[in-house]
Amino acid sequence: MQLFTSLLFFYFTSCCYAFVPQCKSNARISVAQNFKAVNDDEGVQQVKRTVQSRPQIVTINSAEEYRQFLAEDDRLCLIKFHASWCKTCKHFGMQYERIGKEIGDLEAIDGSSIVKKGEIRLAQIEYGENTELCKSLGVQKVPSIHFYSQGKKIDGFPCGPKRIAYTLERLNHYRNQSPEELAFEAELGMGGAFVDEVLDEVLTDDVTGPSDEKIKKTRRNVST
């Protein structure tokens, strides 16, 4: 009788075990293995960069901050000019943030540190809060974008929805240029600005024409 009872107990426990779902145990092992796989310095850093980072887009609110941003290093820099009330600016802002995620600096969510150094640097200036600064930089429409290399402006234009493709085309063009080529682009940009300045002076002269002194000054500038 005791032997029969023992056999019956063994059969009952075996049957119960056969009906216990095995997926829960496997799930725990899988979770443990996944955790162990990233439970090292490199893995933890990778998780931080993927989950706890965002593109660094520096907000500029003064001429001094503008100069500091450009002087920080010699990488290609982009500055977006936008307005808080502008729907087109918000649409372009999403594209701008995407650029930052792909090739810009990534910072910790709390902004405490850079977790990955990118190929380019990005900043933004809000037009309504910095109207005089924007005007002094030649911004006439928003959104607009300016490109800088080694602290010098190399290009700039309005960048509405129809010009997003053109913006990316120009960005890739400048990314593929050498520092010497970018410096040449900057010189061309400065030359274009000078021509615009001369034209403005000519258009604002009265009917008697520009003075001899102004003509001499223009000639000196052109010759240099």
N, C-alpha and C. Protein backbone atom coordinates (compact mmCIF):
# COMPACT_ATOMS: atom_id res chain seq x y z
N MET A 1 0.83 -1.21 0.00
CA MET A 1 0.00 0.00 0.00
C MET A 1 0.87 1.26 0.00
N GLN A 2 1.93 1.21 0.79
CA GLN A 2 2.83 2.38 0.86
C GLN A 2 3.53 2.58 -0.48
N LEU A 3 3.90 1.47 -1.13
CA LEU A 3 4.54 1.56 -2.43
C LEU A 3 3.58 2.15 -3.46
N PHE A 4 2.31 1.73 -3.42
CA PHE A 4 1.31 2.26 -4.35
C PHE A 4 1.11 3.76 -4.15
N THR A 5 1.10 4.17 -2.86
CA THR A 5 0.94 5.59 -2.55
C THR A 5 2.10 6.43 -3.09
N SER A 6 3.30 5.87 -2.95
CA SER A 6 4.49 6.57 -3.43
C SER A 6 4.47 6.72 -4.94
N LEU A 7 4.08 5.64 -5.62
CA LEU A 7 4.01 5.69 -7.07
C LEU A 7 2.95 6.69 -7.55
N LEU A 8 1.82 6.70 -6.85
CA LEU A 8 0.75 7.62 -7.20
C LEU A 8 1.19 9.07 -7.02
N PHE A 9 1.91 9.36 -5.93
CA PHE A 9 2.41 10.72 -5.67
C PHE A 9 3.40 11.16 -6.75
N PHE A 10 4.30 10.21 -7.15
CA PHE A 10 5.28 10.52 -8.18
C PHE A 10 4.61 10.81 -9.51
N TYR A 11 3.58 10.01 -9.84
CA TYR A 11 2.84 10.22 -11.09
C TYR A 11 2.12 11.55 -11.09
N PHE A 12 1.52 11.91 -9.96
CA PHE A 12 0.76 13.16 -9.85
C PHE A 12 1.67 14.38 -10.01
N THR A 13 2.83 14.35 -9.33
CA THR A 13 3.76 15.49 -9.42
C THR A 13 4.34 15.62 -10.82
N SER A 14 4.57 14.50 -11.48
CA SER A 14 5.10 14.54 -12.85
C SER A 14 4.10 15.15 -13.80
N CYS A 15 2.84 14.79 -13.64
CA CYS A 15 1.79 15.35 -14.50
C CYS A 15 1.63 16.84 -14.27
N CYS A 16 1.68 17.26 -13.03
CA CYS A 16 1.55 18.70 -12.72
C CYS A 16 2.69 19.49 -13.35
N TYR A 17 3.89 18.97 -13.29
CA TYR A 17 5.04 19.65 -13.86
C TYR A 17 4.91 19.78 -15.38
N ALA A 18 4.32 18.72 -15.97
CA ALA A 18 4.17 18.74 -17.42
C ALA A 18 3.23 19.84 -17.88
N PHE A 19 2.27 20.24 -17.02
CA PHE A 19 1.31 21.28 -17.39
C PHE A 19 1.73 22.67 -16.95
N VAL A 20 2.88 22.82 -16.30
CA VAL A 20 3.36 24.15 -15.89
C VAL A 20 3.94 24.86 -17.12
N PRO A 21 3.47 26.04 -17.48
CA PRO A 21 4.02 26.78 -18.64
C PRO A 21 5.49 27.07 -18.44
N GLN A 22 6.29 26.77 -19.43
CA GLN A 22 7.74 26.94 -19.33
C GLN A 22 8.22 28.32 -19.81
N CYS A 23 7.32 29.12 -20.44
CA CYS A 23 7.75 30.39 -21.02
C CYS A 23 8.19 31.40 -19.98
N LYS A 24 7.59 31.37 -18.81
CA LYS A 24 7.96 32.34 -17.79
C LYS A 24 9.40 32.17 -17.36
N SER A 25 9.80 30.92 -17.19
CA SER A 25 11.17 30.67 -16.80
C SER A 25 12.13 31.12 -17.90
N ASN A 26 11.79 30.80 -19.14
CA ASN A 26 12.64 31.21 -20.25
C ASN A 26 12.71 32.73 -20.37
N ALA A 27 11.57 33.40 -20.09
CA ALA A 27 11.55 34.87 -20.17
C ALA A 27 12.50 35.46 -19.16
N ARG A 28 12.53 34.91 -17.98
CA ARG A 28 13.44 35.43 -16.95
C ARG A 28 14.89 35.26 -17.37
N ILE A 29 15.19 34.11 -17.95
CA ILE A 29 16.56 33.88 -18.40
C ILE A 29 16.93 34.87 -19.50
N SER A 30 15.97 35.07 -20.43
CA SER A 30 16.23 35.99 -21.52
C SER A 30 16.49 37.40 -21.01
N VAL A 31 15.67 37.86 -20.06
CA VAL A 31 15.86 39.19 -19.48
C VAL A 31 17.19 39.29 -18.77
N ALA A 32 17.52 38.24 -18.02
CA ALA A 32 18.79 38.25 -17.30
C ALA A 32 19.96 38.31 -18.26
N GLN A 33 19.87 37.55 -19.37
CA GLN A 33 20.95 37.55 -20.34
C GLN A 33 21.08 38.92 -21.02
N ASN A 34 19.93 39.52 -21.36
CA ASN A 34 19.99 40.83 -21.99
C ASN A 34 20.60 41.87 -21.07
N PHE A 35 20.24 41.82 -19.83
CA PHE A 35 20.78 42.77 -18.86
C PHE A 35 22.28 42.57 -18.70
N LYS A 36 22.68 41.30 -18.64
CA LYS A 36 24.09 41.01 -18.47
C LYS A 36 24.89 41.47 -19.69
N ALA A 37 24.26 41.37 -20.87
CA ALA A 37 24.96 41.73 -22.10
C ALA A 37 25.33 43.22 -22.14
N VAL A 38 24.55 44.07 -21.50
CA VAL A 38 24.84 45.50 -21.50
C VAL A 38 25.32 45.99 -20.15
N ASN A 39 25.57 45.06 -19.24
CA ASN A 39 25.97 45.45 -17.90
C ASN A 39 27.49 45.61 -17.82
N ASP A 40 28.02 46.43 -18.71
CA ASP A 40 29.43 46.79 -18.69
C ASP A 40 29.54 48.26 -19.07
N ASP A 41 30.72 48.82 -18.94
CA ASP A 41 30.89 50.26 -19.16
C ASP A 41 30.48 50.69 -20.56
N GLU A 42 30.93 49.93 -21.56
CA GLU A 42 30.63 50.31 -22.94
C GLU A 42 29.14 50.20 -23.21
N GLY A 43 28.52 49.12 -22.72
CA GLY A 43 27.09 48.92 -22.93
C GLY A 43 26.27 49.98 -22.26
N VAL A 44 26.62 50.34 -21.03
CA VAL A 44 25.89 51.36 -20.30
C VAL A 44 26.00 52.71 -21.01
N GLN A 45 27.21 53.02 -21.51
CA GLN A 45 27.38 54.27 -22.23
C GLN A 45 26.54 54.30 -23.49
N GLN A 46 26.46 53.12 -24.19
CA GLN A 46 25.66 53.06 -25.41
C GLN A 46 24.20 53.28 -25.11
N VAL A 47 23.70 52.69 -24.01
CA VAL A 47 22.31 52.88 -23.62
C VAL A 47 22.05 54.35 -23.31
N LYS A 48 22.98 54.99 -22.61
CA LYS A 48 22.80 56.41 -22.27
C LYS A 48 22.72 57.26 -23.52
N ARG A 49 23.57 56.96 -24.51
CA ARG A 49 23.58 57.76 -25.73
C ARG A 49 22.29 57.57 -26.53
N THR A 50 21.77 56.34 -26.51
CA THR A 50 20.59 56.05 -27.31
C THR A 50 19.32 56.54 -26.66
N VAL A 51 19.19 56.36 -25.34
CA VAL A 51 17.93 56.61 -24.67
C VAL A 51 17.91 57.96 -23.97
N GLN A 52 19.03 58.41 -23.45
CA GLN A 52 19.05 59.57 -22.58
C GLN A 52 19.80 60.76 -23.18
N SER A 53 19.80 60.89 -24.48
CA SER A 53 20.49 62.01 -25.12
C SER A 53 19.55 62.74 -26.07
N ARG A 54 19.96 63.94 -26.44
CA ARG A 54 19.20 64.76 -27.38
C ARG A 54 20.19 65.62 -28.15
N PRO A 55 19.81 66.12 -29.33
CA PRO A 55 20.73 66.99 -30.07
C PRO A 55 20.94 68.30 -29.33
N GLN A 56 22.17 68.74 -29.27
CA GLN A 56 22.46 70.02 -28.62
C GLN A 56 22.26 71.15 -29.62
N ILE A 57 21.27 72.00 -29.36
CA ILE A 57 21.01 73.19 -30.17
C ILE A 57 21.10 74.38 -29.24
N VAL A 58 22.19 75.11 -29.34
CA VAL A 58 22.49 76.21 -28.42
C VAL A 58 21.55 77.38 -28.70
N THR A 59 20.93 77.91 -27.65
CA THR A 59 20.07 79.09 -27.79
C THR A 59 20.89 80.35 -27.55
N ILE A 60 20.88 81.24 -28.53
CA ILE A 60 21.66 82.48 -28.48
C ILE A 60 20.72 83.66 -28.24
N ASN A 61 21.06 84.50 -27.25
CA ASN A 61 20.20 85.64 -26.89
C ASN A 61 20.94 86.97 -26.85
N SER A 62 22.16 87.01 -27.36
CA SER A 62 22.90 88.27 -27.36
C SER A 62 24.03 88.19 -28.38
N ALA A 63 24.57 89.35 -28.73
CA ALA A 63 25.69 89.39 -29.66
C ALA A 63 26.91 88.69 -29.07
N GLU A 64 27.09 88.81 -27.76
CA GLU A 64 28.23 88.17 -27.11
C GLU A 64 28.11 86.65 -27.17
N GLU A 65 26.91 86.12 -26.92
CA GLU A 65 26.70 84.68 -27.02
C GLU A 65 26.89 84.20 -28.45
N TYR A 66 26.51 85.02 -29.40
CA TYR A 66 26.73 84.71 -30.82
C TYR A 66 28.22 84.57 -31.12
N ARG A 67 29.01 85.51 -30.65
CA ARG A 67 30.46 85.46 -30.88
C ARG A 67 31.09 84.27 -30.16
N GLN A 68 30.65 84.00 -28.94
CA GLN A 68 31.20 82.87 -28.19
C GLN A 68 30.91 81.54 -28.87
N PHE A 69 29.71 81.40 -29.41
CA PHE A 69 29.35 80.16 -30.08
C PHE A 69 30.25 79.91 -31.28
N LEU A 70 30.48 80.94 -32.09
CA LEU A 70 31.30 80.77 -33.28
C LEU A 70 32.77 80.57 -32.94
N ALA A 71 33.21 81.11 -31.82
CA ALA A 71 34.63 81.02 -31.45
C ALA A 71 34.96 79.72 -30.72
N GLU A 72 33.97 78.92 -30.38
CA GLU A 72 34.22 77.73 -29.55
C GLU A 72 35.14 76.73 -30.22
N ASP A 73 34.92 76.42 -31.50
CA ASP A 73 35.86 75.58 -32.25
C ASP A 73 35.67 75.85 -33.74
N ASP A 74 36.43 75.12 -34.57
CA ASP A 74 36.46 75.40 -36.01
C ASP A 74 35.53 74.51 -36.83
N ARG A 75 34.68 73.76 -36.18
CA ARG A 75 33.75 72.92 -36.95
C ARG A 75 32.72 73.75 -37.70
N LEU A 76 32.12 73.13 -38.71
CA LEU A 76 31.03 73.77 -39.45
C LEU A 76 29.88 74.05 -38.49
N CYS A 77 29.35 75.27 -38.52
CA CYS A 77 28.28 75.68 -37.60
C CYS A 77 27.06 76.12 -38.39
N LEU A 78 25.89 75.80 -37.86
CA LEU A 78 24.62 76.24 -38.43
C LEU A 78 23.87 77.04 -37.38
N ILE A 79 23.27 78.15 -37.80
CA ILE A 79 22.41 78.93 -36.90
C ILE A 79 21.05 79.10 -37.56
N LYS A 80 20.02 78.69 -36.84
CA LYS A 80 18.65 78.82 -37.33
C LYS A 80 18.02 80.06 -36.73
N PHE A 81 17.37 80.85 -37.57
CA PHE A 81 16.64 82.03 -37.12
C PHE A 81 15.15 81.73 -37.26
N HIS A 82 14.41 81.87 -36.18
CA HIS A 82 13.01 81.47 -36.17
C HIS A 82 12.20 82.42 -35.31
N ALA A 83 10.87 82.26 -35.37
CA ALA A 83 9.96 83.05 -34.54
C ALA A 83 8.98 82.10 -33.86
N SER A 84 8.64 82.41 -32.63
CA SER A 84 7.78 81.52 -31.84
C SER A 84 6.38 81.39 -32.43
N TRP A 85 5.91 82.41 -33.16
CA TRP A 85 4.57 82.40 -33.72
C TRP A 85 4.50 81.80 -35.12
N CYS A 86 5.64 81.42 -35.67
CA CYS A 86 5.73 80.99 -37.06
C CYS A 86 5.56 79.47 -37.20
N LYS A 87 4.48 79.04 -37.87
CA LYS A 87 4.23 77.61 -38.06
C LYS A 87 5.26 76.98 -38.98
N THR A 88 5.69 77.72 -39.99
CA THR A 88 6.72 77.22 -40.90
C THR A 88 8.02 76.98 -40.15
N CYS A 89 8.31 77.86 -39.18
CA CYS A 89 9.53 77.70 -38.37
C CYS A 89 9.48 76.41 -37.57
N LYS A 90 8.32 76.08 -37.04
CA LYS A 90 8.17 74.85 -36.26
C LYS A 90 8.38 73.62 -37.14
N HIS A 91 7.86 73.69 -38.36
CA HIS A 91 8.04 72.58 -39.29
C HIS A 91 9.52 72.40 -39.64
N PHE A 92 10.20 73.52 -39.93
CA PHE A 92 11.62 73.43 -40.24
C PHE A 92 12.41 73.02 -39.00
N GLY A 93 11.92 73.41 -37.82
CA GLY A 93 12.61 73.06 -36.58
C GLY A 93 12.73 71.56 -36.39
N MET A 94 11.72 70.80 -36.84
CA MET A 94 11.79 69.34 -36.74
C MET A 94 12.89 68.80 -37.64
N GLN A 95 13.02 69.36 -38.83
CA GLN A 95 14.10 68.94 -39.74
C GLN A 95 15.46 69.33 -39.16
N TYR A 96 15.52 70.49 -38.55
CA TYR A 96 16.77 70.98 -37.95
C TYR A 96 17.20 70.06 -36.80
N GLU A 97 16.24 69.64 -36.00
CA GLU A 97 16.55 68.73 -34.90
C GLU A 97 17.02 67.38 -35.42
N ARG A 98 16.43 66.95 -36.51
CA ARG A 98 16.85 65.69 -37.12
C ARG A 98 18.30 65.76 -37.59
N ILE A 99 18.67 66.89 -38.18
CA ILE A 99 20.07 67.09 -38.59
C ILE A 99 20.98 66.96 -37.37
N GLY A 100 20.55 67.58 -36.26
CA GLY A 100 21.34 67.51 -35.03
C GLY A 100 21.49 66.09 -34.52
N LYS A 101 20.43 65.31 -34.60
CA LYS A 101 20.49 63.92 -34.14
C LYS A 101 21.47 63.10 -34.96
N GLU A 102 21.54 63.38 -36.25
CA GLU A 102 22.35 62.56 -37.14
C GLU A 102 23.82 62.94 -37.15
N ILE A 103 24.13 64.24 -37.18
CA ILE A 103 25.54 64.62 -37.33
C ILE A 103 25.98 65.73 -36.37
N GLY A 104 25.10 66.14 -35.45
CA GLY A 104 25.47 67.18 -34.50
C GLY A 104 25.91 66.62 -33.15
N ASP A 105 26.26 67.51 -32.23
CA ASP A 105 26.60 67.09 -30.86
C ASP A 105 25.35 66.56 -30.17
N LEU A 106 25.52 65.51 -29.37
CA LEU A 106 24.44 64.98 -28.54
C LEU A 106 24.77 65.28 -27.09
N GLU A 107 23.80 65.78 -26.35
CA GLU A 107 24.00 66.11 -24.95
C GLU A 107 23.06 65.29 -24.08
N ALA A 108 23.39 65.20 -22.79
CA ALA A 108 22.52 64.52 -21.84
C ALA A 108 21.18 65.25 -21.77
N ILE A 109 20.14 64.52 -21.42
CA ILE A 109 18.80 65.09 -21.37
C ILE A 109 18.75 66.33 -20.48
N ASP A 110 19.49 66.32 -19.37
CA ASP A 110 19.48 67.46 -18.47
C ASP A 110 20.44 68.57 -18.92
N GLY A 111 21.12 68.36 -20.08
CA GLY A 111 22.02 69.37 -20.61
C GLY A 111 23.32 69.52 -19.85
N SER A 112 23.64 68.54 -19.00
CA SER A 112 24.82 68.67 -18.13
C SER A 112 26.13 68.39 -18.85
N SER A 113 26.10 67.61 -19.93
CA SER A 113 27.35 67.24 -20.59
C SER A 113 27.10 66.77 -22.02
N ILE A 114 28.17 66.77 -22.80
CA ILE A 114 28.12 66.23 -24.16
C ILE A 114 28.43 64.74 -24.09
N VAL A 115 27.54 63.91 -24.61
CA VAL A 115 27.77 62.47 -24.58
C VAL A 115 28.33 61.96 -25.90
N LYS A 116 28.22 62.76 -26.96
CA LYS A 116 28.80 62.38 -28.24
C LYS A 116 29.10 63.64 -29.04
N LYS A 117 30.34 63.77 -29.48
CA LYS A 117 30.74 64.93 -30.28
C LYS A 117 30.42 64.67 -31.74
N GLY A 118 29.70 65.60 -32.36
CA GLY A 118 29.27 65.42 -33.73
C GLY A 118 30.19 66.08 -34.75
N GLU A 119 29.78 65.99 -35.99
CA GLU A 119 30.55 66.57 -37.08
C GLU A 119 30.33 68.08 -37.18
N ILE A 120 29.14 68.55 -36.80
CA ILE A 120 28.80 69.97 -36.90
C ILE A 120 28.23 70.45 -35.57
N ARG A 121 28.03 71.77 -35.44
CA ARG A 121 27.41 72.35 -34.26
C ARG A 121 26.21 73.18 -34.68
N LEU A 122 25.17 73.19 -33.84
CA LEU A 122 23.94 73.89 -34.18
C LEU A 122 23.55 74.89 -33.09
N ALA A 123 22.93 75.99 -33.54
CA ALA A 123 22.41 77.00 -32.61
C ALA A 123 21.13 77.57 -33.19
N GLN A 124 20.43 78.36 -32.39
CA GLN A 124 19.18 78.99 -32.83
C GLN A 124 19.02 80.35 -32.18
N ILE A 125 18.37 81.26 -32.93
CA ILE A 125 18.10 82.60 -32.42
C ILE A 125 16.63 82.91 -32.69
N GLU A 126 15.90 83.29 -31.65
CA GLU A 126 14.49 83.63 -31.79
C GLU A 126 14.37 85.09 -32.20
N TYR A 127 13.68 85.33 -33.31
CA TYR A 127 13.66 86.67 -33.91
C TYR A 127 12.99 87.71 -33.00
N GLY A 128 11.84 87.37 -32.41
CA GLY A 128 11.10 88.33 -31.60
C GLY A 128 11.87 88.82 -30.39
N GLU A 129 12.68 87.95 -29.79
CA GLU A 129 13.44 88.33 -28.60
C GLU A 129 14.79 88.95 -28.94
N ASN A 130 15.20 88.83 -30.19
CA ASN A 130 16.53 89.34 -30.59
C ASN A 130 16.44 90.05 -31.95
N THR A 131 15.46 90.93 -32.07
CA THR A 131 15.20 91.57 -33.36
C THR A 131 16.40 92.35 -33.88
N GLU A 132 17.01 93.16 -33.02
CA GLU A 132 18.15 93.98 -33.46
C GLU A 132 19.33 93.11 -33.88
N LEU A 133 19.58 92.05 -33.13
CA LEU A 133 20.68 91.15 -33.49
C LEU A 133 20.41 90.50 -34.84
N CYS A 134 19.20 90.03 -35.05
CA CYS A 134 18.85 89.39 -36.32
C CYS A 134 18.98 90.36 -37.48
N LYS A 135 18.51 91.57 -37.29
CA LYS A 135 18.63 92.57 -38.37
C LYS A 135 20.09 92.87 -38.67
N SER A 136 20.91 92.95 -37.63
CA SER A 136 22.32 93.25 -37.84
C SER A 136 23.04 92.12 -38.59
N LEU A 137 22.46 90.90 -38.53
CA LEU A 137 23.04 89.76 -39.23
C LEU A 137 22.41 89.56 -40.61
N GLY A 138 21.55 90.49 -40.99
CA GLY A 138 20.97 90.44 -42.33
C GLY A 138 19.79 89.52 -42.49
N VAL A 139 19.17 89.14 -41.39
CA VAL A 139 18.01 88.24 -41.46
C VAL A 139 16.77 89.06 -41.78
N GLN A 140 16.11 88.73 -42.88
CA GLN A 140 14.92 89.46 -43.30
C GLN A 140 13.66 88.60 -43.25
N LYS A 141 13.83 87.27 -43.29
CA LYS A 141 12.70 86.35 -43.24
C LYS A 141 12.99 85.22 -42.28
N VAL A 142 11.92 84.66 -41.72
CA VAL A 142 12.05 83.46 -40.91
C VAL A 142 11.13 82.37 -41.46
N PRO A 143 11.59 81.10 -41.40
CA PRO A 143 12.90 80.69 -40.89
C PRO A 143 14.01 80.98 -41.90
N SER A 144 15.18 81.23 -41.37
CA SER A 144 16.40 81.38 -42.18
C SER A 144 17.50 80.57 -41.54
N ILE A 145 18.51 80.27 -42.32
CA ILE A 145 19.65 79.51 -41.79
C ILE A 145 20.95 80.11 -42.30
N HIS A 146 21.95 80.20 -41.42
CA HIS A 146 23.27 80.68 -41.78
C HIS A 146 24.29 79.57 -41.53
N PHE A 147 25.26 79.47 -42.45
CA PHE A 147 26.36 78.51 -42.32
C PHE A 147 27.64 79.28 -41.98
N TYR A 148 28.42 78.72 -41.06
CA TYR A 148 29.67 79.36 -40.63
C TYR A 148 30.78 78.32 -40.60
N SER A 149 31.98 78.78 -40.93
CA SER A 149 33.16 77.94 -40.80
C SER A 149 34.29 78.77 -40.23
N GLN A 150 34.92 78.28 -39.19
CA GLN A 150 36.02 78.99 -38.52
C GLN A 150 35.62 80.40 -38.15
N GLY A 151 34.37 80.56 -37.69
CA GLY A 151 33.88 81.84 -37.21
C GLY A 151 33.41 82.79 -38.29
N LYS A 152 33.49 82.39 -39.56
CA LYS A 152 33.10 83.27 -40.65
C LYS A 152 31.88 82.72 -41.37
N LYS A 153 30.99 83.60 -41.76
CA LYS A 153 29.79 83.20 -42.48
C LYS A 153 30.14 82.81 -43.92
N ILE A 154 29.63 81.65 -44.35
CA ILE A 154 29.89 81.22 -45.72
C ILE A 154 28.62 81.17 -46.57
N ASP A 155 27.46 81.19 -45.93
CA ASP A 155 26.21 81.16 -46.68
C ASP A 155 25.05 81.46 -45.75
N GLY A 156 23.91 81.84 -46.34
CA GLY A 156 22.72 82.11 -45.54
C GLY A 156 21.54 82.41 -46.44
N PHE A 157 20.37 81.91 -46.08
CA PHE A 157 19.19 82.10 -46.92
C PHE A 157 17.93 81.69 -46.14
N PRO A 158 16.74 82.17 -46.57
CA PRO A 158 15.49 81.69 -45.97
C PRO A 158 15.30 80.21 -46.30
N CYS A 159 14.69 79.48 -45.40
CA CYS A 159 14.59 78.02 -45.58
C CYS A 159 13.18 77.53 -45.27
N GLY A 160 12.21 77.99 -46.04
CA GLY A 160 10.84 77.52 -45.89
C GLY A 160 10.70 76.09 -46.35
N PRO A 161 9.46 75.55 -46.33
CA PRO A 161 9.22 74.15 -46.66
C PRO A 161 9.74 73.75 -48.04
N LYS A 162 9.65 74.66 -49.02
CA LYS A 162 10.09 74.34 -50.37
C LYS A 162 11.60 74.35 -50.52
N ARG A 163 12.31 74.80 -49.47
CA ARG A 163 13.77 74.90 -49.57
C ARG A 163 14.50 73.95 -48.63
N ILE A 164 13.78 73.01 -48.05
CA ILE A 164 14.42 72.04 -47.15
C ILE A 164 15.42 71.19 -47.92
N ALA A 165 15.01 70.72 -49.11
CA ALA A 165 15.92 69.92 -49.92
C ALA A 165 17.17 70.72 -50.30
N TYR A 166 16.99 71.99 -50.62
CA TYR A 166 18.14 72.84 -50.96
C TYR A 166 19.04 73.04 -49.75
N THR A 167 18.44 73.19 -48.57
CA THR A 167 19.22 73.34 -47.34
C THR A 167 20.10 72.12 -47.11
N LEU A 168 19.54 70.93 -47.28
CA LEU A 168 20.31 69.69 -47.09
C LEU A 168 21.39 69.56 -48.16
N GLU A 169 21.08 70.01 -49.36
CA GLU A 169 22.07 69.97 -50.44
C GLU A 169 23.26 70.87 -50.10
N ARG A 170 23.00 72.07 -49.61
CA ARG A 170 24.09 72.98 -49.25
C ARG A 170 24.88 72.44 -48.06
N LEU A 171 24.17 71.85 -47.11
CA LEU A 171 24.84 71.27 -45.94
C LEU A 171 25.82 70.18 -46.38
N ASN A 172 25.38 69.28 -47.24
CA ASN A 172 26.26 68.21 -47.71
C ASN A 172 27.42 68.76 -48.53
N HIS A 173 27.16 69.82 -49.27
CA HIS A 173 28.22 70.46 -50.05
C HIS A 173 29.32 70.98 -49.13
N TYR A 174 28.96 71.68 -48.07
CA TYR A 174 29.96 72.25 -47.17
C TYR A 174 30.63 71.17 -46.32
N ARG A 175 29.90 70.12 -46.00
CA ARG A 175 30.50 69.02 -45.23
C ARG A 175 31.64 68.36 -45.99
N ASN A 176 31.54 68.33 -47.31
CA ASN A 176 32.53 67.65 -48.13
C ASN A 176 33.69 68.54 -48.54
N GLN A 177 33.69 69.78 -48.06
CA GLN A 177 34.77 70.69 -48.42
C GLN A 177 35.88 70.68 -47.36
N SER A 178 37.08 70.98 -47.81
CA SER A 178 38.22 71.09 -46.91
C SER A 178 38.18 72.43 -46.19
N PRO A 179 38.93 72.59 -45.09
CA PRO A 179 39.00 73.89 -44.40
C PRO A 179 39.44 75.02 -45.31
N GLU A 180 40.35 74.72 -46.25
CA GLU A 180 40.82 75.75 -47.18
C GLU A 180 39.69 76.18 -48.13
N GLU A 181 38.93 75.21 -48.59
CA GLU A 181 37.82 75.53 -49.49
C GLU A 181 36.73 76.33 -48.76
N LEU A 182 36.48 75.97 -47.51
CA LEU A 182 35.49 76.71 -46.72
C LEU A 182 35.95 78.14 -46.46
N ALA A 183 37.27 78.30 -46.23
CA ALA A 183 37.80 79.65 -46.03
C ALA A 183 37.62 80.49 -47.29
N PHE A 184 37.78 79.86 -48.45
CA PHE A 184 37.57 80.57 -49.71
C PHE A 184 36.10 80.96 -49.87
N GLU A 185 35.20 80.05 -49.48
CA GLU A 185 33.76 80.34 -49.52
C GLU A 185 33.44 81.55 -48.63
N ALA A 186 34.11 81.59 -47.46
CA ALA A 186 33.88 82.71 -46.55
C ALA A 186 34.33 84.03 -47.16
N GLU A 187 35.47 83.99 -47.86
CA GLU A 187 35.97 85.20 -48.52
C GLU A 187 35.00 85.66 -49.61
N LEU A 188 34.45 84.71 -50.35
CA LEU A 188 33.47 85.05 -51.36
C LEU A 188 32.24 85.68 -50.74
N GLY A 189 31.83 85.15 -49.59
CA GLY A 189 30.66 85.70 -48.91
C GLY A 189 30.89 87.12 -48.45
N MET A 190 32.09 87.39 -47.94
CA MET A 190 32.42 88.74 -47.51
C MET A 190 32.46 89.69 -48.70
N GLY A 191 32.95 89.19 -49.84
CA GLY A 191 32.97 90.02 -51.04
C GLY A 191 31.58 90.37 -51.51
N GLY A 192 30.67 89.38 -51.44
CA GLY A 192 29.29 89.64 -51.83
C GLY A 192 28.63 90.65 -50.92
N ALA A 193 28.94 90.58 -49.64
CA ALA A 193 28.37 91.54 -48.69
C ALA A 193 28.88 92.95 -48.98
N PHE A 194 30.15 93.05 -49.38
CA PHE A 194 30.70 94.37 -49.70
C PHE A 194 30.02 94.96 -50.94
N VAL A 195 29.78 94.11 -51.95
CA VAL A 195 29.10 94.58 -53.16
C VAL A 195 27.70 95.09 -52.82
N ASP A 196 26.99 94.36 -51.95
CA ASP A 196 25.66 94.80 -51.53
C ASP A 196 25.72 96.15 -50.83
N GLU A 197 26.76 96.33 -50.01
CA GLU A 197 26.92 97.59 -49.27
C GLU A 197 27.14 98.75 -50.24
N VAL A 198 27.98 98.52 -51.25
CA VAL A 198 28.25 99.56 -52.25
C VAL A 198 26.98 99.90 -53.02
N LEU A 199 26.22 98.90 -53.40
CA LEU A 199 24.97 99.14 -54.12
C LEU A 199 23.99 99.95 -53.28
N ASP A 200 23.93 99.62 -51.98
CA ASP A 200 23.05 100.38 -51.09
C ASP A 200 23.45 101.84 -51.04
N GLU A 201 24.77 102.09 -50.99
CA GLU A 201 25.24 103.47 -50.95
C GLU A 201 24.90 104.20 -52.23
N VAL A 202 25.05 103.50 -53.36
CA VAL A 202 24.75 104.12 -54.65
C VAL A 202 23.28 104.47 -54.75
N LEU A 203 22.42 103.54 -54.31
CA LEU A 203 20.98 103.75 -54.43
C LEU A 203 20.47 104.85 -53.50
N THR A 204 21.19 105.09 -52.42
CA THR A 204 20.74 106.12 -51.47
C THR A 204 21.36 107.48 -51.75
N ASP A 205 22.28 107.55 -52.71
CA ASP A 205 22.85 108.86 -53.06
C ASP A 205 21.78 109.74 -53.71
N ASP A 206 21.93 111.01 -53.53
CA ASP A 206 20.96 111.93 -54.17
C ASP A 206 21.29 112.10 -55.64
N VAL A 207 20.50 112.90 -56.31
CA VAL A 207 20.64 113.03 -57.76
C VAL A 207 21.97 113.65 -58.17
N THR A 208 22.65 114.31 -57.26
CA THR A 208 23.92 114.94 -57.61
C THR A 208 25.05 113.92 -57.71
N GLY A 209 24.76 112.66 -57.26
CA GLY A 209 25.77 111.62 -57.35
C GLY A 209 26.63 111.55 -56.10
N PRO A 210 27.42 110.49 -55.98
CA PRO A 210 28.26 110.31 -54.81
C PRO A 210 29.38 111.33 -54.76
N SER A 211 29.84 111.61 -53.59
CA SER A 211 30.93 112.57 -53.42
C SER A 211 32.25 111.96 -53.87
N ASP A 212 33.23 112.83 -54.15
CA ASP A 212 34.55 112.36 -54.57
C ASP A 212 35.18 111.49 -53.49
N GLU A 213 34.96 111.87 -52.22
CA GLU A 213 35.54 111.10 -51.12
C GLU A 213 34.98 109.68 -51.08
N LYS A 214 33.69 109.57 -51.32
CA LYS A 214 33.06 108.24 -51.29
C LYS A 214 33.59 107.38 -52.43
N ILE A 215 33.80 108.02 -53.60
CA ILE A 215 34.33 107.28 -54.74
C ILE A 215 35.74 106.77 -54.44
N LYS A 216 36.57 107.65 -53.84
CA LYS A 216 37.93 107.24 -53.49
C LYS A 216 37.92 106.09 -52.49
N LYS A 217 37.01 106.18 -51.51
CA LYS A 217 36.92 105.12 -50.50
C LYS A 217 36.52 103.80 -51.14
N THR A 218 35.57 103.84 -52.07
CA THR A 218 35.12 102.63 -52.75
C THR A 218 36.25 102.01 -53.57
N ARG A 219 37.01 102.87 -54.27
CA ARG A 219 38.13 102.36 -55.04
C ARG A 219 39.18 101.70 -54.18
N ARG A 220 39.48 102.32 -53.02
CA ARG A 220 40.47 101.74 -52.10
C ARG A 220 40.01 100.37 -51.62
N ASN A 221 38.75 100.24 -51.28
CA ASN A 221 38.22 98.97 -50.79
C ASN A 221 38.28 97.89 -51.87
N VAL A 222 37.94 98.27 -53.11
CA VAL A 222 37.95 97.30 -54.21
C VAL A 222 39.37 96.83 -54.50
N SER A 223 40.32 97.76 -54.46
CA SER A 223 41.71 97.42 -54.77
C SER A 223 42.32 96.51 -53.73
N THR A 224 41.82 96.57 -52.47
CA THR A 224 42.36 95.71 -51.43
C THR A 224 41.69 94.35 -51.44
